[in-house]
Structure formats: structure tokens, C-alpha cells
């Protein structure tokens, strides 16, 4: 998520020029798009942003480029099983293959919990 335009005012960047502030905002947008395109913890945390820092995996099941209202994500994944379940759930909720939908419903308590919420 990209902050409001007001957050990109030069005064918040120690007297940085307007052109440099625009470059910072564009880099943040690119990092956000790159990270949010990742669908699993392992791919998320192995993806590097423009500053070489890794993207962050959030327990809520998404990849992000920066901390937000829910805090910061993690750059470590809990386990391989977690990533496999997460991939299937992402596929399920984004209209993925029938096999992914069956796997996430039959194989994941997390999928069931998400559906019940």
C-alpha cells in the first residue's frame, strides 16, 4: 500500500528536492507492485525490493513491501507446509484451478477457517 500523496512532501524527507521525492514515491509504488504480486511466503521473502531488502510476508496471507496499519510482516517463513497451504488458498480465492480449490478445501483447516469467517 502506498501512503497518501501528502506523506511524500519534501519537508518529510529532510529538504529533498521535489524530483527526488517523486523518485521515492515511484520506487515505493514499484516495490509495492512487485511484492504484492508474490503469492506465497517463500517467493515473497526471497523477492528483493529496489533497496535490496526483502518483501515481507504477513500472517493474513499476503506479501507487502512495507509496514502498515497491521504492523510489519515477517522475512522468515514458518515451514514448507505453511507455504504449500498458502499457495492453495491463494489459488482458491483467486479463481485458481479446480485441483487447487479441492486441495485447499480438503487439505487445509485454514481454508475452512477462512471460509467460515
C-alpha atoms as a PDB file:
ATOM      1  CA  UNK A   1       0.000   0.000   0.000  1.00  0.00           C
ATOM      2  CA  UNK A   2       1.254   3.457  -0.873  1.00  0.00           C
ATOM      3  CA  UNK A   3       0.794   6.279   1.602  1.00  0.00           C
ATOM      4  CA  UNK A   4      -1.141   9.435   0.776  1.00  0.00           C
ATOM      5  CA  UNK A   5       0.476  11.985  -1.506  1.00  0.00           C
ATOM      6  CA  UNK A   6       0.852  14.369   1.450  1.00  0.00           C
ATOM      7  CA  UNK A   7       3.270  11.880   3.008  1.00  0.00           C
ATOM      8  CA  UNK A   8       5.576  12.438   0.058  1.00  0.00           C
ATOM      9  CA  UNK A   9       6.078  16.168   0.666  1.00  0.00           C
ATOM     10  CA  UNK A  10       9.715  17.273   0.507  1.00  0.00           C
ATOM     11  CA  UNK A  11       9.527  18.560   4.085  1.00  0.00           C
ATOM     12  CA  UNK A  12       9.173  14.952   5.317  1.00  0.00           C
ATOM     13  CA  UNK A  13      12.395  13.944   3.568  1.00  0.00           C
ATOM     14  CA  UNK A  14      14.829  16.419   5.097  1.00  0.00           C
ATOM     15  CA  UNK A  15      14.782  19.054   2.374  1.00  0.00           C
ATOM     16  CA  UNK A  16      14.956  16.574  -0.504  1.00  0.00           C
ATOM     17  CA  UNK A  17      14.111  18.089  -3.882  1.00  0.00           C
ATOM     18  CA  UNK A  18      10.668  17.585  -5.412  1.00  0.00           C
ATOM     19  CA  UNK A  19      12.216  15.433  -8.150  1.00  0.00           C
ATOM     20  CA  UNK A  20      13.830  13.172  -5.548  1.00  0.00           C
ATOM     21  CA  UNK A  21      10.552  12.892  -3.619  1.00  0.00           C
ATOM     22  CA  UNK A  22       8.820  11.829  -6.860  1.00  0.00           C
ATOM     23  CA  UNK A  23      11.522   9.203  -7.390  1.00  0.00           C
ATOM     24  CA  UNK A  24      10.990   7.907  -3.835  1.00  0.00           C
ATOM     25  CA  UNK A  25       7.231   7.690  -4.445  1.00  0.00           C
ATOM     26  CA  UNK A  26       7.724   5.861  -7.759  1.00  0.00           C
ATOM     27  CA  UNK A  27      10.168   3.409  -6.168  1.00  0.00           C
ATOM     28  CA  UNK A  28       7.660   2.746  -3.383  1.00  0.00           C
ATOM     29  CA  UNK A  29       4.923   2.087  -5.975  1.00  0.00           C
ATOM     30  CA  UNK A  30       7.162  -0.310  -7.889  1.00  0.00           C
ATOM     31  CA  UNK A  31       8.163  -2.137  -4.699  1.00  0.00           C
ATOM     32  CA  UNK A  32       4.510  -2.404  -3.670  1.00  0.00           C
ATOM     33  CA  UNK A  33       3.506  -3.882  -7.049  1.00  0.00           C
ATOM     34  CA  UNK A  34       6.448  -6.304  -7.025  1.00  0.00           C
ATOM     35  CA  UNK A  35       5.807  -7.576  -3.506  1.00  0.00           C
ATOM     36  CA  UNK A  36       2.026  -7.783  -3.750  1.00  0.00           C
ATOM     37  CA  UNK A  37       2.351  -9.944  -6.887  1.00  0.00           C
ATOM     38  CA  UNK A  38       4.028 -12.709  -4.820  1.00  0.00           C
ATOM     39  CA  UNK A  39       1.639 -15.470  -3.765  1.00  0.00           C
ATOM     40  CA  UNK A  40       3.477 -17.479  -1.115  1.00  0.00           C
ATOM     41  CA  UNK A  41       5.752 -16.874   1.824  1.00  0.00           C
ATOM     42  CA  UNK A  42       8.876 -18.361   0.232  1.00  0.00           C
ATOM     43  CA  UNK A  43       8.522 -16.416  -3.022  1.00  0.00           C
ATOM     44  CA  UNK A  44       7.621 -13.288  -1.075  1.00  0.00           C
ATOM     45  CA  UNK A  45      10.568 -13.293   1.297  1.00  0.00           C
ATOM     46  CA  UNK A  46      13.024 -14.228  -1.448  1.00  0.00           C
ATOM     47  CA  UNK A  47      11.964 -11.246  -3.583  1.00  0.00           C
ATOM     48  CA  UNK A  48      14.153  -8.163  -3.217  1.00  0.00           C
ATOM     49  CA  UNK A  49      12.870  -4.606  -3.390  1.00  0.00           C
ATOM     50  CA  UNK A  50      14.780  -1.761  -5.043  1.00  0.00           C
ATOM     51  CA  UNK A  51      16.860  -1.224  -1.888  1.00  0.00           C
ATOM     52  CA  UNK A  52      17.751  -4.970  -1.777  1.00  0.00           C
ATOM     53  CA  UNK A  53      15.604  -5.530   1.349  1.00  0.00           C
ATOM     54  CA  UNK A  54      13.226  -8.499   1.099  1.00  0.00           C
ATOM     55  CA  UNK A  55       9.473  -8.217   0.776  1.00  0.00           C
ATOM     56  CA  UNK A  56       7.529  -9.090   3.948  1.00  0.00           C
ATOM     57  CA  UNK A  57       5.046 -11.929   4.405  1.00  0.00           C
ATOM     58  CA  UNK A  58       2.013 -11.116   6.549  1.00  0.00           C
ATOM     59  CA  UNK A  59       0.246 -13.803   8.591  1.00  0.00           C
ATOM     60  CA  UNK A  60      -3.014 -12.665   6.993  1.00  0.00           C
ATOM     61  CA  UNK A  61      -1.808 -14.322   3.769  1.00  0.00           C
ATOM     62  CA  UNK A  62      -0.314 -11.596   1.626  1.00  0.00           C
ATOM     63  CA  UNK A  63       3.039 -10.168   0.651  1.00  0.00           C
ATOM     64  CA  UNK A  64       3.836  -6.490   1.172  1.00  0.00           C
ATOM     65  CA  UNK A  65       6.644  -4.038   0.728  1.00  0.00           C
ATOM     66  CA  UNK A  66       6.362  -2.100   3.984  1.00  0.00           C
ATOM     67  CA  UNK A  67       4.813  -1.989   7.429  1.00  0.00           C
ATOM     68  CA  UNK A  68       1.264  -0.746   7.669  1.00  0.00           C
ATOM     69  CA  UNK A  69      -1.685  -0.389   9.988  1.00  0.00           C
ATOM     70  CA  UNK A  70      -1.460  -4.073  10.970  1.00  0.00           C
ATOM     71  CA  UNK A  71       2.241  -3.853  11.691  1.00  0.00           C
ATOM     72  CA  UNK A  72       5.167  -5.377   9.856  1.00  0.00           C
ATOM     73  CA  UNK A  73       5.307  -8.701   8.110  1.00  0.00           C
ATOM     74  CA  UNK A  74       8.000 -11.307   8.503  1.00  0.00           C
ATOM     75  CA  UNK A  75      11.005 -12.089   6.358  1.00  0.00           C
ATOM     76  CA  UNK A  76      11.027 -15.699   7.629  1.00  0.00           C
ATOM     77  CA  UNK A  77       8.572 -18.434   6.682  1.00  0.00           C
ATOM     78  CA  UNK A  78       7.189 -20.794   9.352  1.00  0.00           C
ATOM     79  CA  UNK A  79       7.552 -24.040   7.337  1.00  0.00           C
ATOM     80  CA  UNK A  80       7.252 -25.596   3.887  1.00  0.00           C
ATOM     81  CA  UNK A  81       3.782 -26.939   4.773  1.00  0.00           C
ATOM     82  CA  UNK A  82       2.605 -23.412   5.529  1.00  0.00           C
ATOM     83  CA  UNK A  83       3.726 -22.191   2.120  1.00  0.00           C
ATOM     84  CA  UNK A  84       2.011 -25.067   0.289  1.00  0.00           C
ATOM     85  CA  UNK A  85      -1.277 -24.397   2.083  1.00  0.00           C
ATOM     86  CA  UNK A  86      -0.961 -20.685   1.469  1.00  0.00           C
ATOM     87  CA  UNK A  87      -0.400 -21.190  -2.258  1.00  0.00           C
ATOM     88  CA  UNK A  88      -3.514 -23.370  -2.489  1.00  0.00           C
ATOM     89  CA  UNK A  89      -5.645 -20.890  -0.550  1.00  0.00           C
ATOM     90  CA  UNK A  90      -4.457 -18.022  -2.745  1.00  0.00           C
ATOM     91  CA  UNK A  91      -5.344 -20.045  -5.850  1.00  0.00           C
ATOM     92  CA  UNK A  92      -8.749 -20.945  -4.386  1.00  0.00           C
ATOM     93  CA  UNK A  93      -9.779 -17.388  -3.563  1.00  0.00           C
ATOM     94  CA  UNK A  94      -8.447 -16.014  -6.829  1.00  0.00           C
ATOM     95  CA  UNK A  95     -10.301 -18.488  -9.062  1.00  0.00           C
ATOM     96  CA  UNK A  96      -7.416 -20.921  -9.487  1.00  0.00           C
ATOM     97  CA  UNK A  97      -7.564 -24.440 -10.830  1.00  0.00           C
ATOM     98  CA  UNK A  98     -10.103 -26.986  -9.625  1.00  0.00           C
ATOM     99  CA  UNK A  99      -7.235 -29.055  -8.208  1.00  0.00           C
ATOM    100  CA  UNK A 100      -6.039 -26.100  -6.135  1.00  0.00           C
ATOM    101  CA  UNK A 101      -9.599 -25.461  -4.950  1.00  0.00           C
ATOM    102  CA  UNK A 102     -10.051 -29.115  -3.935  1.00  0.00           C
ATOM    103  CA  UNK A 103      -6.675 -29.154  -2.178  1.00  0.00           C
ATOM    104  CA  UNK A 104      -7.390 -26.023  -0.177  1.00  0.00           C
ATOM    105  CA  UNK A 105     -10.851 -27.187   0.901  1.00  0.00           C
ATOM    106  CA  UNK A 106      -9.940 -30.812   1.622  1.00  0.00           C
ATOM    107  CA  UNK A 107      -6.431 -30.316   2.905  1.00  0.00           C
ATOM    108  CA  UNK A 108      -6.453 -27.152   4.905  1.00  0.00           C
ATOM    109  CA  UNK A 109      -8.053 -26.323   8.190  1.00  0.00           C
ATOM    110  CA  UNK A 110      -7.006 -22.760   7.454  1.00  0.00           C
ATOM    111  CA  UNK A 111      -9.103 -22.748   4.275  1.00  0.00           C
ATOM    112  CA  UNK A 112     -12.104 -23.952   6.264  1.00  0.00           C
ATOM    113  CA  UNK A 113     -11.496 -21.286   8.901  1.00  0.00           C
ATOM    114  CA  UNK A 114     -11.264 -18.576   6.261  1.00  0.00           C
ATOM    115  CA  UNK A 115     -14.481 -19.709   4.634  1.00  0.00           C
ATOM    116  CA  UNK A 116     -16.282 -19.670   7.993  1.00  0.00           C
ATOM    117  CA  UNK A 117     -15.102 -16.141   8.731  1.00  0.00           C
END
